[in-house]
Amino acid sequence: MATFMVKLADGSEMLLTAGRATRTDDGDVTFEDVDDRGKWSPTCTLKSHRLDSVHVRRIAEDGQARWVKQSDAGHWQAY
């Protein structure tokens, strides 16, 4: 499981916990969880026009937790 911070175009923020997040080439972001059979299922999808940025919580080399901004362009997956 990963923790994601989504900054929305209206200035608000959301915190989500999900197994992974996937950004399509169109810019939509889908958060997914996996079931006990290994099947990924979407739990929340945000359209690109609603998004400002998506960040994932990571532990840096110094041992401190940081928000890492995901790319604003192209396809990506974050776990």
PDB file of N, CA and C in Angstrom:
ATOM      1  N   MET A   1       0.838  -1.181   0.000  1.00  0.00           N
ATOM      2  CA  MET A   1       0.000   0.000   0.000  1.00  0.00           C
ATOM      3  C   MET A   1       0.880   1.240   0.000  1.00  0.00           C
ATOM      4  N   ALA A   2       0.395   2.248  -0.691  1.00  0.00           N
ATOM      5  CA  ALA A   2       1.099   3.523  -0.749  1.00  0.00           C
ATOM      6  C   ALA A   2       0.134   4.636  -0.338  1.00  0.00           C
ATOM      7  N   THR A   3       0.703   5.750   0.095  1.00  0.00           N
ATOM      8  CA  THR A   3      -0.095   6.919   0.440  1.00  0.00           C
ATOM      9  C   THR A   3       0.150   7.979  -0.621  1.00  0.00           C
ATOM     10  N   PHE A   4      -0.936   8.529  -1.144  1.00  0.00           N
ATOM     11  CA  PHE A   4      -0.871   9.527  -2.204  1.00  0.00           C
ATOM     12  C   PHE A   4      -1.509  10.821  -1.734  1.00  0.00           C
ATOM     13  N   MET A   5      -0.925  11.945  -2.153  1.00  0.00           N
ATOM     14  CA  MET A   5      -1.521  13.251  -1.936  1.00  0.00           C
ATOM     15  C   MET A   5      -1.864  13.808  -3.316  1.00  0.00           C
ATOM     16  N   VAL A   6      -3.131  14.145  -3.501  1.00  0.00           N
ATOM     17  CA  VAL A   6      -3.595  14.704  -4.764  1.00  0.00           C
ATOM     18  C   VAL A   6      -3.946  16.166  -4.528  1.00  0.00           C
ATOM     19  N   LYS A   7      -3.323  17.039  -5.294  1.00  0.00           N
ATOM     20  CA  LYS A   7      -3.672  18.454  -5.261  1.00  0.00           C
ATOM     21  C   LYS A   7      -4.608  18.698  -6.430  1.00  0.00           C
ATOM     22  N   LEU A   8      -5.791  19.226  -6.115  1.00  0.00           N
ATOM     23  CA  LEU A   8      -6.819  19.430  -7.126  1.00  0.00           C
ATOM     24  C   LEU A   8      -6.765  20.842  -7.691  1.00  0.00           C
ATOM     25  N   ALA A   9      -7.328  21.003  -8.878  1.00  0.00           N
ATOM     26  CA  ALA A   9      -7.314  22.288  -9.580  1.00  0.00           C
ATOM     27  C   ALA A   9      -8.024  23.391  -8.794  1.00  0.00           C
ATOM     28  N   ASP A  10      -8.972  23.018  -7.938  1.00  0.00           N
ATOM     29  CA  ASP A  10      -9.696  24.031  -7.155  1.00  0.00           C
ATOM     30  C   ASP A  10      -8.948  24.461  -5.893  1.00  0.00           C
ATOM     31  N   GLY A  11      -7.722  23.948  -5.696  1.00  0.00           N
ATOM     32  CA  GLY A  11      -6.904  24.320  -4.546  1.00  0.00           C
ATOM     33  C   GLY A  11      -7.011  23.378  -3.362  1.00  0.00           C
ATOM     34  N   SER A  12      -7.936  22.422  -3.402  1.00  0.00           N
ATOM     35  CA  SER A  12      -8.073  21.472  -2.294  1.00  0.00           C
ATOM     36  C   SER A  12      -7.091  20.306  -2.474  1.00  0.00           C
ATOM     37  N   GLU A  13      -6.972  19.491  -1.441  1.00  0.00           N
ATOM     38  CA  GLU A  13      -6.083  18.335  -1.453  1.00  0.00           C
ATOM     39  C   GLU A  13      -6.827  17.106  -0.960  1.00  0.00           C
ATOM     40  N   MET A  14      -6.402  15.942  -1.443  1.00  0.00           N
ATOM     41  CA  MET A  14      -6.933  14.658  -0.988  1.00  0.00           C
ATOM     42  C   MET A  14      -5.769  13.763  -0.605  1.00  0.00           C
ATOM     43  N   LEU A  15      -5.925  12.988   0.451  1.00  0.00           N
ATOM     44  CA  LEU A  15      -4.982  11.931   0.800  1.00  0.00           C
ATOM     45  C   LEU A  15      -5.677  10.614   0.539  1.00  0.00           C
ATOM     46  N   LEU A  16      -5.004   9.713  -0.187  1.00  0.00           N
ATOM     47  CA  LEU A  16      -5.573   8.407  -0.504  1.00  0.00           C
ATOM     48  C   LEU A  16      -4.554   7.326  -0.213  1.00  0.00           C
ATOM     49  N   THR A  17      -5.027   6.183   0.228  1.00  0.00           N
ATOM     50  CA  THR A  17      -4.191   5.004   0.379  1.00  0.00           C
ATOM     51  C   THR A  17      -4.666   3.993  -0.649  1.00  0.00           C
ATOM     52  N   ALA A  18      -3.730   3.505  -1.459  1.00  0.00           N
ATOM     53  CA  ALA A  18      -4.073   2.550  -2.512  1.00  0.00           C
ATOM     54  C   ALA A  18      -2.858   1.692  -2.813  1.00  0.00           C
ATOM     55  N   GLY A  19      -3.111   0.579  -3.449  1.00  0.00           N
ATOM     56  CA  GLY A  19      -2.018  -0.303  -3.841  1.00  0.00           C
ATOM     57  C   GLY A  19      -1.140   0.318  -4.909  1.00  0.00           C
ATOM     58  N   ARG A  20      -1.772   1.063  -5.825  1.00  0.00           N
ATOM     59  CA  ARG A  20      -1.014   1.757  -6.858  1.00  0.00           C
ATOM     60  C   ARG A  20      -1.878   2.844  -7.478  1.00  0.00           C
ATOM     61  N   ALA A  21      -1.215   3.742  -8.174  1.00  0.00           N
ATOM     62  CA  ALA A  21      -1.890   4.772  -8.953  1.00  0.00           C
ATOM     63  C   ALA A  21      -1.346   4.694 -10.366  1.00  0.00           C
ATOM     64  N   THR A  22      -2.222   4.890 -11.332  1.00  0.00           N
ATOM     65  CA  THR A  22      -1.840   4.831 -12.735  1.00  0.00           C
ATOM     66  C   THR A  22      -2.322   6.087 -13.434  1.00  0.00           C
ATOM     67  N   ARG A  23      -1.430   6.728 -14.175  1.00  0.00           N
ATOM     68  CA  ARG A  23      -1.800   7.907 -14.963  1.00  0.00           C
ATOM     69  C   ARG A  23      -1.823   7.498 -16.426  1.00  0.00           C
ATOM     70  N   THR A  24      -2.927   7.792 -17.097  1.00  0.00           N
ATOM     71  CA  THR A  24      -3.048   7.476 -18.515  1.00  0.00           C
ATOM     72  C   THR A  24      -2.366   8.561 -19.339  1.00  0.00           C
ATOM     73  N   ASP A  25      -2.185   8.289 -20.609  1.00  0.00           N
ATOM     74  CA  ASP A  25      -1.614   9.285 -21.502  1.00  0.00           C
ATOM     75  C   ASP A  25      -2.525  10.507 -21.630  1.00  0.00           C
ATOM     76  N   ASP A  26      -3.827  10.329 -21.360  1.00  0.00           N
ATOM     77  CA  ASP A  26      -4.783  11.446 -21.391  1.00  0.00           C
ATOM     78  C   ASP A  26      -4.724  12.304 -20.136  1.00  0.00           C
ATOM     79  N   GLY A  27      -4.017  11.834 -19.098  1.00  0.00           N
ATOM     80  CA  GLY A  27      -3.863  12.605 -17.875  1.00  0.00           C
ATOM     81  C   GLY A  27      -4.769  12.215 -16.733  1.00  0.00           C
ATOM     82  N   ASP A  28      -5.715  11.287 -16.952  1.00  0.00           N
ATOM     83  CA  ASP A  28      -6.567  10.809 -15.867  1.00  0.00           C
ATOM     84  C   ASP A  28      -5.740   9.923 -14.929  1.00  0.00           C
ATOM     85  N   VAL A  29      -6.041   9.968 -13.634  1.00  0.00           N
ATOM     86  CA  VAL A  29      -5.329   9.138 -12.657  1.00  0.00           C
ATOM     87  C   VAL A  29      -6.329   8.219 -11.974  1.00  0.00           C
ATOM     88  N   THR A  30      -6.009   6.921 -11.963  1.00  0.00           N
ATOM     89  CA  THR A  30      -6.839   5.913 -11.319  1.00  0.00           C
ATOM     90  C   THR A  30      -6.055   5.291 -10.171  1.00  0.00           C
ATOM     91  N   PHE A  31      -6.694   5.205  -9.009  1.00  0.00           N
ATOM     92  CA  PHE A  31      -6.115   4.542  -7.848  1.00  0.00           C
ATOM     93  C   PHE A  31      -6.724   3.154  -7.776  1.00  0.00           C
ATOM     94  N   GLU A  32      -5.875   2.139  -7.553  1.00  0.00           N
ATOM     95  CA  GLU A  32      -6.317   0.752  -7.594  1.00  0.00           C
ATOM     96  C   GLU A  32      -5.842  -0.018  -6.381  1.00  0.00           C
ATOM     97  N   ASP A  33      -6.614  -1.037  -6.010  1.00  0.00           N
ATOM     98  CA  ASP A  33      -6.214  -1.983  -4.976  1.00  0.00           C
ATOM     99  C   ASP A  33      -6.270  -3.384  -5.558  1.00  0.00           C
ATOM    100  N   VAL A  34      -5.542  -4.300  -4.944  1.00  0.00           N
ATOM    101  CA  VAL A  34      -5.475  -5.678  -5.422  1.00  0.00           C
ATOM    102  C   VAL A  34      -6.243  -6.584  -4.464  1.00  0.00           C
ATOM    103  N   ASP A  35      -6.956  -7.565  -5.027  1.00  0.00           N
ATOM    104  CA  ASP A  35      -7.674  -8.499  -4.167  1.00  0.00           C
ATOM    105  C   ASP A  35      -6.784  -9.698  -3.835  1.00  0.00           C
ATOM    106  N   ASP A  36      -7.303 -10.636  -3.067  1.00  0.00           N
ATOM    107  CA  ASP A  36      -6.495 -11.784  -2.630  1.00  0.00           C
ATOM    108  C   ASP A  36      -6.163 -12.748  -3.762  1.00  0.00           C
ATOM    109  N   ARG A  37      -6.726 -12.537  -4.949  1.00  0.00           N
ATOM    110  CA  ARG A  37      -6.390 -13.354  -6.124  1.00  0.00           C
ATOM    111  C   ARG A  37      -5.413 -12.653  -7.054  1.00  0.00           C
ATOM    112  N   GLY A  38      -4.980 -11.458  -6.676  1.00  0.00           N
ATOM    113  CA  GLY A  38      -4.012 -10.721  -7.474  1.00  0.00           C
ATOM    114  C   GLY A  38      -4.617  -9.865  -8.572  1.00  0.00           C
ATOM    115  N   LYS A  39      -5.929  -9.662  -8.533  1.00  0.00           N
ATOM    116  CA  LYS A  39      -6.596  -8.848  -9.554  1.00  0.00           C
ATOM    117  C   LYS A  39      -6.685  -7.399  -9.082  1.00  0.00           C
ATOM    118  N   TRP A  40      -6.212  -6.475  -9.931  1.00  0.00           N
ATOM    119  CA  TRP A  40      -6.274  -5.056  -9.626  1.00  0.00           C
ATOM    120  C   TRP A  40      -7.632  -4.505 -10.004  1.00  0.00           C
ATOM    121  N   SER A  41      -8.204  -3.691  -9.133  1.00  0.00           N
ATOM    122  CA  SER A  41      -9.512  -3.071  -9.375  1.00  0.00           C
ATOM    123  C   SER A  41      -9.445  -1.592  -9.024  1.00  0.00           C
ATOM    124  N   PRO A  42     -10.031  -0.733  -9.870  1.00  0.00           N
ATOM    125  CA  PRO A  42     -10.027   0.698  -9.568  1.00  0.00           C
ATOM    126  C   PRO A  42     -10.905   1.028  -8.363  1.00  0.00           C
ATOM    127  N   THR A  43     -10.422   1.940  -7.530  1.00  0.00           N
ATOM    128  CA  THR A  43     -11.203   2.395  -6.374  1.00  0.00           C
ATOM    129  C   THR A  43     -11.610   3.860  -6.515  1.00  0.00           C
ATOM    130  N   CYS A  44     -10.841   4.629  -7.299  1.00  0.00           N
ATOM    131  CA  CYS A  44     -11.123   6.051  -7.489  1.00  0.00           C
ATOM    132  C   CYS A  44     -10.429   6.507  -8.761  1.00  0.00           C
ATOM    133  N   THR A  45     -11.138   7.242  -9.610  1.00  0.00           N
ATOM    134  CA  THR A  45     -10.543   7.818 -10.819  1.00  0.00           C
ATOM    135  C   THR A  45     -10.793   9.313 -10.817  1.00  0.00           C
ATOM    136  N   LEU A  46      -9.747  10.075 -11.100  1.00  0.00           N
ATOM    137  CA  LEU A  46      -9.841  11.524 -11.182  1.00  0.00           C
ATOM    138  C   LEU A  46      -9.502  11.960 -12.602  1.00  0.00           C
ATOM    139  N   LYS A  47     -10.371  12.736 -13.192  1.00  0.00           N
ATOM    140  CA  LYS A  47     -10.172  13.241 -14.552  1.00  0.00           C
ATOM    141  C   LYS A  47      -9.089  14.323 -14.560  1.00  0.00           C
ATOM    142  N   SER A  48      -8.381  14.397 -15.658  1.00  0.00           N
ATOM    143  CA  SER A  48      -7.230  15.297 -15.757  1.00  0.00           C
ATOM    144  C   SER A  48      -7.582  16.759 -15.492  1.00  0.00           C
ATOM    145  N   HIS A  49      -8.766  17.205 -15.893  1.00  0.00           N
ATOM    146  CA  HIS A  49      -9.122  18.618 -15.702  1.00  0.00           C
ATOM    147  C   HIS A  49      -9.314  18.980 -14.223  1.00  0.00           C
ATOM    148  N   ARG A  50      -9.470  17.982 -13.351  1.00  0.00           N
ATOM    149  CA  ARG A  50      -9.630  18.223 -11.915  1.00  0.00           C
ATOM    150  C   ARG A  50      -8.297  18.231 -11.171  1.00  0.00           C
ATOM    151  N   LEU A  51      -7.211  17.769 -11.830  1.00  0.00           N
ATOM    152  CA  LEU A  51      -5.925  17.564 -11.165  1.00  0.00           C
ATOM    153  C   LEU A  51      -4.971  18.732 -11.336  1.00  0.00           C
ATOM    154  N   ASP A  52      -4.257  19.024 -10.261  1.00  0.00           N
ATOM    155  CA  ASP A  52      -3.106  19.915 -10.328  1.00  0.00           C
ATOM    156  C   ASP A  52      -1.839  19.061 -10.319  1.00  0.00           C
ATOM    157  N   SER A  53      -1.716  18.177  -9.306  1.00  0.00           N
ATOM    158  CA  SER A  53      -0.544  17.297  -9.219  1.00  0.00           C
ATOM    159  C   SER A  53      -0.852  16.095  -8.323  1.00  0.00           C
ATOM    160  N   VAL A  54      -0.035  15.046  -8.479  1.00  0.00           N
ATOM    161  CA  VAL A  54      -0.144  13.846  -7.659  1.00  0.00           C
ATOM    162  C   VAL A  54       1.236  13.569  -7.062  1.00  0.00           C
ATOM    163  N   HIS A  55       1.254  13.286  -5.761  1.00  0.00           N
ATOM    164  CA  HIS A  55       2.497  13.006  -5.043  1.00  0.00           C
ATOM    165  C   HIS A  55       2.351  11.661  -4.333  1.00  0.00           C
ATOM    166  N   VAL A  56       3.457  10.914  -4.229  1.00  0.00           N
ATOM    167  CA  VAL A  56       3.454   9.654  -3.482  1.00  0.00           C
ATOM    168  C   VAL A  56       4.444   9.787  -2.327  1.00  0.00           C
ATOM    169  N   ARG A  57       4.123   9.192  -1.205  1.00  0.00           N
ATOM    170  CA  ARG A  57       4.970   9.256  -0.001  1.00  0.00           C
ATOM    171  C   ARG A  57       6.075   8.211  -0.130  1.00  0.00           C
ATOM    172  N   ARG A  58       7.329   8.662  -0.040  1.00  0.00           N
ATOM    173  CA  ARG A  58       8.489   7.782  -0.166  1.00  0.00           C
ATOM    174  C   ARG A  58       9.479   8.058   0.966  1.00  0.00           C
ATOM    175  N   ILE A  59      10.250   7.052   1.310  1.00  0.00           N
ATOM    176  CA  ILE A  59      11.342   7.203   2.273  1.00  0.00           C
ATOM    177  C   ILE A  59      12.603   7.523   1.473  1.00  0.00           C
ATOM    178  N   ALA A  60      13.212   8.667   1.768  1.00  0.00           N
ATOM    179  CA  ALA A  60      14.426   9.098   1.069  1.00  0.00           C
ATOM    180  C   ALA A  60      15.645   8.358   1.616  1.00  0.00           C
ATOM    181  N   GLU A  61      16.770   8.547   0.953  1.00  0.00           N
ATOM    182  CA  GLU A  61      18.006   7.893   1.372  1.00  0.00           C
ATOM    183  C   GLU A  61      18.428   8.267   2.787  1.00  0.00           C
ATOM    184  N   ASP A  62      18.021   9.449   3.242  1.00  0.00           N
ATOM    185  CA  ASP A  62      18.372   9.876   4.597  1.00  0.00           C
ATOM    186  C   ASP A  62      17.419   9.316   5.655  1.00  0.00           C
ATOM    187  N   GLY A  63      16.450   8.495   5.207  1.00  0.00           N
ATOM    188  CA  GLY A  63      15.517   7.878   6.132  1.00  0.00           C
ATOM    189  C   GLY A  63      14.273   8.704   6.428  1.00  0.00           C
ATOM    190  N   GLN A  64      14.176   9.894   5.875  1.00  0.00           N
ATOM    191  CA  GLN A  64      13.038  10.774   6.102  1.00  0.00           C
ATOM    192  C   GLN A  64      11.963  10.550   5.033  1.00  0.00           C
ATOM    193  N   ALA A  65      10.711  10.583   5.455  1.00  0.00           N
ATOM    194  CA  ALA A  65       9.596  10.448   4.512  1.00  0.00           C
ATOM    195  C   ALA A  65       9.402  11.764   3.776  1.00  0.00           C
ATOM    196  N   ARG A  66       9.168  11.670   2.465  1.00  0.00           N
ATOM    197  CA  ARG A  66       8.985  12.853   1.630  1.00  0.00           C
ATOM    198  C   ARG A  66       7.852  12.611   0.634  1.00  0.00           C
ATOM    199  N   TRP A  67       7.204  13.689   0.195  1.00  0.00           N
ATOM    200  CA  TRP A  67       6.241  13.619  -0.895  1.00  0.00           C
ATOM    201  C   TRP A  67       7.016  13.768  -2.199  1.00  0.00           C
ATOM    202  N   VAL A  68       6.864  12.798  -3.090  1.00  0.00           N
ATOM    203  CA  VAL A  68       7.548  12.822  -4.380  1.00  0.00           C
ATOM    204  C   VAL A  68       6.505  13.085  -5.462  1.00  0.00           C
ATOM    205  N   LYS A  69       6.676  14.206  -6.158  1.00  0.00           N
ATOM    206  CA  LYS A  69       5.724  14.582  -7.201  1.00  0.00           C
ATOM    207  C   LYS A  69       5.877  13.651  -8.404  1.00  0.00           C
ATOM    208  N   GLN A  70       4.754  13.200  -8.918  1.00  0.00           N
ATOM    209  CA  GLN A  70       4.742  12.360 -10.104  1.00  0.00           C
ATOM    210  C   GLN A  70       4.679  13.248 -11.346  1.00  0.00           C
ATOM    211  N   SER A  71       5.089  12.710 -12.466  1.00  0.00           N
ATOM    212  CA  SER A  71       5.149  13.466 -13.712  1.00  0.00           C
ATOM    213  C   SER A  71       3.772  14.003 -14.123  1.00  0.00           C
ATOM    214  N   ASP A  72       3.771  15.206 -14.668  1.00  0.00           N
ATOM    215  CA  ASP A  72       2.544  15.820 -15.159  1.00  0.00           C
ATOM    216  C   ASP A  72       2.213  15.396 -16.590  1.00  0.00           C
ATOM    217  N   ALA A  73       3.117  14.657 -17.220  1.00  0.00           N
ATOM    218  CA  ALA A  73       2.908  14.255 -18.615  1.00  0.00           C
ATOM    219  C   ALA A  73       3.222  12.773 -18.788  1.00  0.00           C
ATOM    220  N   GLY A  74       2.538  12.151 -19.713  1.00  0.00           N
ATOM    221  CA  GLY A  74       2.815  10.765 -20.031  1.00  0.00           C
ATOM    222  C   GLY A  74       2.216   9.777 -19.040  1.00  0.00           C
ATOM    223  N   HIS A  75       2.408   8.519 -19.350  1.00  0.00           N
ATOM    224  CA  HIS A  75       1.864   7.407 -18.562  1.00  0.00           C
ATOM    225  C   HIS A  75       2.840   7.068 -17.431  1.00  0.00           C
ATOM    226  N   TRP A  76       2.320   6.792 -16.232  1.00  0.00           N
ATOM    227  CA  TRP A  76       3.152   6.313 -15.133  1.00  0.00           C
ATOM    228  C   TRP A  76       2.345   5.442 -14.191  1.00  0.00           C
ATOM    229  N   GLN A  77       3.058   4.661 -13.399  1.00  0.00           N
ATOM    230  CA  GLN A  77       2.469   3.907 -12.296  1.00  0.00           C
ATOM    231  C   GLN A  77       3.305   4.171 -11.067  1.00  0.00           C
ATOM    232  N   ALA A  78       2.668   4.331  -9.935  1.00  0.00           N
ATOM    233  CA  ALA A  78       3.359   4.527  -8.660  1.00  0.00           C
ATOM    234  C   ALA A  78       2.811   3.535  -7.664  1.00  0.00           C
ATOM    235  N   TYR A  79       3.701   2.871  -6.925  1.00  0.00           N
ATOM    236  CA  TYR A  79       3.312   1.870  -5.925  1.00  0.00           C
ATOM    237  C   TYR A  79       3.680   2.353  -4.550  1.00  0.00           C
TER     238      TYR A  79
END
